[in-house]
């Protein structure tokens, strides 16, 4: 994709945000923009890379402001390739008719207000996140429930998928931006029973390069490298109070050794925004009855 007219980008920004743009005269429309492309690396390579992201095929002119207006990034790699096994021996709708039916549903119905009344999103969901998620859920309702509402279970499934698609957008922007503008990637929603569910993208859930991208330090005027901003310890990202280490260690050392099972070797991966990880739960079991502690690598922060 090549952008030959610089005005195109500003027009896209205005249209994607407001459904209108002005170039001599104001133009208002209800159309959507869809971008289809291919990535040259495997998805696993991309999500585990510090240099690449899933927006790599986009032209350089499409900056973060354009990307932030994407409502959803659909994982094309999860869709099976077309083959004869998907053809039916019964009657079916030809593409032209089906497309016209969907177009009619999209144009003549509005489910956005219905979604706004039912949906409950977490605190990490920001302005454009909320708008994109609601648009995607409204589209699901138009296509899958043209004759009425969805059950709570169905609605929550659509919300979870819409959040996943929006989080995929935000994760790529967070990898590109050197500061924390897009760092709130722990998007979540509340079920009908009041339980908060944090949604992850399946391909990147355990990828540190995507979940906690490295922040490079700045270069000063004389060429010296300035220290990178201090990173909040992982166990306090959520705002939970920090448990002082000494009382916890004392309590662990004073515990009844016989009542505790022999600790086994473990590896902890604490993602951005995770809660429930304390000194007591992680280190405590290994200190019971210990007379000596050896630390092999005290520098636990990512460079």
Protein backbone atom coordinates (compact mmCIF):
# COMPACT_ATOMS: atom_id res chain seq x y z
CA UNK A 1 0.00 0.00 0.00
CA UNK A 2 1.43 3.35 -1.06
CA UNK A 3 0.22 6.74 0.18
CA UNK A 4 0.86 9.31 -2.55
CA UNK A 5 -1.21 12.22 -1.21
CA UNK A 6 -0.14 13.50 2.25
CA UNK A 7 -3.67 14.82 2.84
CA UNK A 8 -4.94 11.23 2.76
CA UNK A 9 -3.65 10.52 6.26
CA UNK A 10 -5.41 13.49 7.87
CA UNK A 11 -8.61 12.63 6.00
CA UNK A 12 -8.38 9.07 7.31
CA UNK A 13 -7.84 10.30 10.87
CA UNK A 14 -10.89 12.56 10.73
CA UNK A 15 -13.10 9.97 9.05
CA UNK A 16 -12.09 7.05 11.30
CA UNK A 17 -12.70 9.16 14.42
CA UNK A 18 -15.89 11.00 13.46
CA UNK A 19 -17.30 9.50 10.25
CA UNK A 20 -16.71 12.76 8.45
CA UNK A 21 -13.97 14.84 6.86
CA UNK A 22 -13.67 18.18 5.10
CA UNK A 23 -11.91 18.86 1.82
CA UNK A 24 -13.51 21.92 0.34
CA UNK A 25 -16.89 20.60 1.47
CA UNK A 26 -17.75 18.45 4.45
CA UNK A 27 -18.30 14.77 3.65
CA UNK A 28 -20.28 12.53 6.01
CA UNK A 29 -20.61 8.78 5.49
CA UNK A 30 -21.30 5.55 7.40
CA UNK A 31 -18.69 3.39 5.67
CA UNK A 32 -16.01 1.43 7.50
CA UNK A 33 -12.37 0.91 6.54
CA UNK A 34 -10.87 -2.57 6.44
CA UNK A 35 -7.19 -3.33 5.88
CA UNK A 36 -6.05 -6.76 4.73
CA UNK A 37 -2.40 -7.76 4.64
CA UNK A 38 0.18 -10.47 5.17
CA UNK A 39 3.06 -10.71 7.63
CA UNK A 40 6.32 -12.24 6.44
CA UNK A 41 7.25 -13.86 9.76
CA UNK A 42 5.40 -16.39 11.87
CA UNK A 43 3.09 -14.96 14.51
CA UNK A 44 5.19 -16.61 17.23
CA UNK A 45 8.32 -14.89 15.91
CA UNK A 46 6.59 -11.50 15.84
CA UNK A 47 5.10 -11.57 19.35
CA UNK A 48 8.43 -12.71 20.84
CA UNK A 49 10.44 -10.09 18.95
CA UNK A 50 11.43 -6.72 20.36
CA UNK A 51 11.88 -5.29 16.84
CA UNK A 52 8.75 -6.48 15.00
CA UNK A 53 5.02 -6.17 15.58
CA UNK A 54 1.83 -7.20 13.81
CA UNK A 55 1.48 -3.76 12.18
CA UNK A 56 4.76 -4.22 10.28
CA UNK A 57 3.09 -4.52 6.82
CA UNK A 58 1.42 -1.11 7.15
CA UNK A 59 3.04 1.80 5.30
CA UNK A 60 5.14 4.15 7.42
CA UNK A 61 2.66 6.98 6.79
CA UNK A 62 0.06 5.17 8.91
CA UNK A 63 1.24 6.44 12.29
CA UNK A 64 0.13 5.60 15.83
CA UNK A 65 -2.76 8.06 15.59
CA UNK A 66 -4.20 6.01 12.71
CA UNK A 67 -3.57 2.70 14.48
CA UNK A 68 -5.29 3.94 17.64
CA UNK A 69 -8.44 4.40 15.58
CA UNK A 70 -8.55 0.70 14.60
CA UNK A 71 -11.49 -0.88 16.41
CA UNK A 72 -10.23 -4.45 16.00
CA UNK A 73 -7.35 -6.53 14.66
CA UNK A 74 -8.84 -9.84 13.50
CA UNK A 75 -6.39 -12.79 13.74
CA UNK A 76 -6.38 -14.01 10.15
CA UNK A 77 -3.96 -16.80 11.06
CA UNK A 78 -6.77 -18.45 13.06
CA UNK A 79 -9.00 -18.72 10.00
CA UNK A 80 -8.75 -21.95 7.97
CA UNK A 81 -7.78 -21.73 4.32
CA UNK A 82 -10.65 -22.22 1.91
CA UNK A 83 -11.08 -25.76 0.62
CA UNK A 84 -13.73 -28.08 -0.76
CA UNK A 85 -14.54 -29.38 2.72
CA UNK A 86 -16.28 -26.08 3.48
CA UNK A 87 -18.61 -26.33 0.47
CA UNK A 88 -22.20 -27.46 1.06
CA UNK A 89 -24.27 -29.99 -0.88
CA UNK A 90 -27.43 -28.10 0.08
CA UNK A 91 -28.82 -24.74 -0.90
CA UNK A 92 -26.84 -21.64 0.05
CA UNK A 93 -26.72 -17.90 -0.48
CA UNK A 94 -24.41 -16.56 -3.15
CA UNK A 95 -21.89 -13.99 -1.92
CA UNK A 96 -23.59 -11.03 -3.60
CA UNK A 97 -26.90 -11.72 -1.87
CA UNK A 98 -25.34 -12.43 1.51
CA UNK A 99 -23.25 -9.24 1.32
CA UNK A 100 -26.38 -7.24 0.45
CA UNK A 101 -28.24 -8.77 3.41
CA UNK A 102 -25.41 -7.87 5.80
CA UNK A 103 -25.19 -4.38 4.29
CA UNK A 104 -28.91 -3.86 4.90
CA UNK A 105 -28.61 -5.02 8.50
CA UNK A 106 -25.65 -2.72 9.16
CA UNK A 107 -27.24 0.29 7.52
CA UNK A 108 -30.80 0.04 8.87
CA UNK A 109 -30.22 -1.08 12.46
CA UNK A 110 -28.34 0.51 15.32
CA UNK A 111 -27.39 -1.70 18.28
CA UNK A 112 -24.79 0.65 19.79
CA UNK A 113 -27.12 2.00 22.49
CA UNK A 114 -28.17 -1.53 23.44
CA UNK A 115 -24.51 -2.48 23.83
CA UNK A 116 -23.79 0.64 25.89
CA UNK A 117 -26.58 -0.26 28.33
CA UNK A 118 -25.43 -3.87 28.83
CA UNK A 119 -21.66 -3.75 28.68
CA UNK A 120 -19.46 -3.18 31.77
CA UNK A 121 -15.79 -2.65 31.08
CA UNK A 122 -12.75 -2.53 33.39
CA UNK A 123 -10.76 0.53 34.40
CA UNK A 124 -7.92 -0.18 31.94
CA UNK A 125 -10.33 0.38 29.03
CA UNK A 126 -9.76 3.91 27.74
CA UNK A 127 -11.75 6.13 25.37
CA UNK A 128 -10.88 4.65 21.98
CA UNK A 129 -10.75 1.16 23.48
CA UNK A 130 -14.34 1.50 24.66
CA UNK A 131 -15.55 2.90 21.35
CA UNK A 132 -13.87 0.16 19.33
CA UNK A 133 -15.09 -2.64 21.61
CA UNK A 134 -18.68 -1.39 21.52
CA UNK A 135 -18.62 -1.08 17.73
CA UNK A 136 -17.42 -4.66 17.36
CA UNK A 137 -20.04 -6.05 19.77
CA UNK A 138 -22.77 -4.05 18.00
CA UNK A 139 -21.69 -5.62 14.70
CA UNK A 140 -21.95 -9.11 16.22
CA UNK A 141 -25.49 -8.39 17.40
CA UNK A 142 -26.52 -7.08 13.98
CA UNK A 143 -25.28 -10.20 12.18
CA UNK A 144 -25.96 -12.95 14.71
CA UNK A 145 -29.13 -11.62 16.37
CA UNK A 146 -31.05 -9.60 13.77
CA UNK A 147 -34.35 -10.48 15.40
CA UNK A 148 -33.61 -9.62 19.02
CA UNK A 149 -31.19 -9.62 21.92
CA UNK A 150 -28.53 -12.10 22.96
CA UNK A 151 -28.38 -14.06 26.20
CA UNK A 152 -25.88 -12.98 28.86
CA UNK A 153 -23.61 -15.89 27.93
CA UNK A 154 -23.65 -14.98 24.24
CA UNK A 155 -23.20 -11.28 24.95
CA UNK A 156 -20.18 -11.94 27.18
CA UNK A 157 -18.62 -14.13 24.47
CA UNK A 158 -18.91 -11.26 21.97
CA UNK A 159 -17.50 -8.78 24.48
CA UNK A 160 -14.51 -11.04 25.23
CA UNK A 161 -13.72 -11.44 21.53
CA UNK A 162 -14.12 -7.71 20.85
CA UNK A 163 -11.74 -6.91 23.74
CA UNK A 164 -9.23 -9.45 22.44
CA UNK A 165 -9.29 -7.81 19.00
CA UNK A 166 -8.85 -4.33 20.50
CA UNK A 167 -6.11 -5.48 22.88
CA UNK A 168 -4.20 -6.82 19.87
CA UNK A 169 -4.20 -3.28 18.46
CA UNK A 170 -3.04 -1.77 21.74
CA UNK A 171 -0.26 -4.31 22.29
CA UNK A 172 1.35 -3.40 18.96
CA UNK A 173 1.16 0.33 19.72
CA UNK A 174 2.65 -0.27 23.16
CA UNK A 175 5.61 -2.04 21.53
CA UNK A 176 6.22 0.96 19.24
CA UNK A 177 5.73 3.81 21.72
CA UNK A 178 8.79 4.52 23.92
CA UNK A 179 6.66 5.79 26.82
CA UNK A 180 3.64 4.39 28.68
CA UNK A 181 0.86 6.07 26.68
CA UNK A 182 -0.53 2.70 25.53
CA UNK A 183 0.76 0.59 28.44
CA UNK A 184 -2.69 -0.16 29.89
CA UNK A 185 -3.19 -3.34 27.88
CA UNK A 186 -4.92 -5.35 30.63
CA UNK A 187 -8.40 -4.79 29.17
CA UNK A 188 -11.24 -6.46 31.03
CA UNK A 189 -15.01 -6.71 31.41
CA UNK A 190 -17.49 -7.67 34.12
CA UNK A 191 -19.81 -10.64 33.75
CA UNK A 192 -23.48 -10.54 34.68
CA UNK A 193 -22.52 -12.03 38.07
CA UNK A 194 -20.05 -9.19 38.73
CA UNK A 195 -16.82 -11.14 38.10
CA UNK A 196 -14.07 -9.18 36.33
CA UNK A 197 -12.40 -11.05 33.45
CA UNK A 198 -9.09 -9.85 32.01
CA UNK A 199 -8.85 -10.82 28.33
CA UNK A 200 -5.60 -11.85 26.65
CA UNK A 201 -4.65 -12.45 23.03
CA UNK A 202 -3.88 -16.20 22.73
CA UNK A 203 -0.77 -15.72 20.60
CA UNK A 204 0.94 -13.22 22.92
CA UNK A 205 -0.22 -14.13 26.42
CA UNK A 206 3.17 -15.50 27.48
CA UNK A 207 5.34 -13.33 25.22
CA UNK A 208 7.37 -10.98 27.44
CA UNK A 209 8.49 -8.93 24.41
CA UNK A 210 4.84 -8.01 23.80
CA UNK A 211 3.49 -7.91 27.35
CA UNK A 212 6.41 -5.93 28.79
CA UNK A 213 8.30 -4.29 25.93
CA UNK A 214 11.69 -2.83 26.85
CA UNK A 215 11.88 0.95 27.29
CA UNK A 216 15.06 2.44 25.89
CA UNK A 217 16.89 5.23 27.74
CA UNK A 218 17.21 8.71 26.26
CA UNK A 219 20.40 10.19 24.81
CA UNK A 220 21.45 13.51 26.32
CA UNK A 221 22.82 16.53 24.47
CA UNK A 222 26.45 15.51 25.04
CA UNK A 223 25.74 11.98 23.83
CA UNK A 224 25.62 10.43 27.28
CA UNK A 225 22.92 7.89 27.90
CA UNK A 226 20.35 9.07 30.41
CA UNK A 227 18.90 6.45 32.73
CA UNK A 228 15.59 4.95 31.69
CA UNK A 229 12.59 5.93 33.84
CA UNK A 230 12.27 3.84 36.95
CA UNK A 231 9.89 0.95 36.35
CA UNK A 232 7.25 0.27 38.96
CA UNK A 233 7.83 -3.13 40.61
CA UNK A 234 5.53 -5.69 39.06
CA UNK A 235 3.75 -6.50 42.28
CA UNK A 236 2.66 -2.87 42.74
CA UNK A 237 1.48 -2.06 39.19
CA UNK A 238 -2.13 -2.59 40.20
CA UNK A 239 -1.81 -0.14 43.06
CA UNK A 240 -1.88 -2.84 45.74
CA UNK A 241 0.05 -1.93 48.92
CA UNK A 242 3.62 -3.20 49.09
CA UNK A 243 4.13 -5.75 51.83
CA UNK A 244 7.32 -4.95 53.81
CA UNK A 245 9.83 -7.75 53.29
CA UNK A 246 11.25 -8.18 56.80
CA UNK A 247 7.99 -9.03 58.64
CA UNK A 248 7.15 -11.54 55.93
CA UNK A 249 10.57 -13.17 56.12
CA UNK A 250 10.42 -13.28 59.92
CA UNK A 251 6.98 -14.90 59.77
CA UNK A 252 8.13 -17.42 57.22
CA UNK A 253 11.25 -18.33 59.19
CA UNK A 254 9.20 -18.70 62.37
CA UNK A 255 6.68 -21.06 60.74
CA UNK A 256 6.31 -24.69 61.62
CA UNK A 257 8.69 -26.46 59.25
CA UNK A 258 7.00 -29.82 59.68
CA UNK A 259 3.65 -28.46 58.51
CA UNK A 260 5.00 -27.29 55.15
CA UNK A 261 5.69 -29.52 52.15
CA UNK A 262 9.16 -29.59 50.62
CA UNK A 263 9.22 -26.66 48.12
CA UNK A 264 9.79 -27.48 44.47
CA UNK A 265 11.59 -25.49 41.82
CA UNK A 266 9.30 -22.99 40.08
CA UNK A 267 9.46 -20.23 37.50
CA UNK A 268 7.17 -17.21 37.94
CA UNK A 269 6.07 -15.04 35.00
CA UNK A 270 4.33 -11.92 36.34
CA UNK A 271 2.59 -9.98 33.58
CA UNK A 272 1.88 -6.27 33.61
CA UNK A 273 -1.12 -5.57 35.84
CA UNK A 274 -1.18 -8.98 37.51
CA UNK A 275 -2.22 -9.05 41.18
CA UNK A 276 -1.91 -11.54 44.01
CA UNK A 277 1.89 -12.00 43.85
CA UNK A 278 3.45 -11.17 47.23
CA UNK A 279 6.77 -11.92 48.91
CA UNK A 280 4.93 -14.29 51.21
CA UNK A 281 3.36 -16.40 48.44
CA UNK A 282 6.43 -16.50 46.19
CA UNK A 283 9.47 -16.50 48.50
CA UNK A 284 7.92 -17.56 51.80
CA UNK A 285 7.86 -21.34 51.26
CA UNK A 286 11.59 -21.38 50.44
CA UNK A 287 12.62 -19.55 53.62
CA UNK A 288 11.02 -21.89 56.14
CA UNK A 289 13.87 -23.40 58.13
CA UNK A 290 16.50 -21.94 55.81
CA UNK A 291 19.86 -21.00 57.31
CA UNK A 292 21.37 -19.53 54.15
CA UNK A 293 20.08 -17.91 50.94
CA UNK A 294 22.03 -17.63 47.68
CA UNK A 295 20.84 -15.17 45.04
CA UNK A 296 22.20 -15.96 41.58
CA UNK A 297 20.77 -12.98 39.70
CA UNK A 298 19.53 -10.04 41.77
CA UNK A 299 18.84 -7.84 38.71
CA UNK A 300 15.31 -8.98 37.96
CA UNK A 301 14.11 -5.97 35.93
CA UNK A 302 14.06 -6.28 32.12
CA UNK A 303 16.69 -4.16 30.39
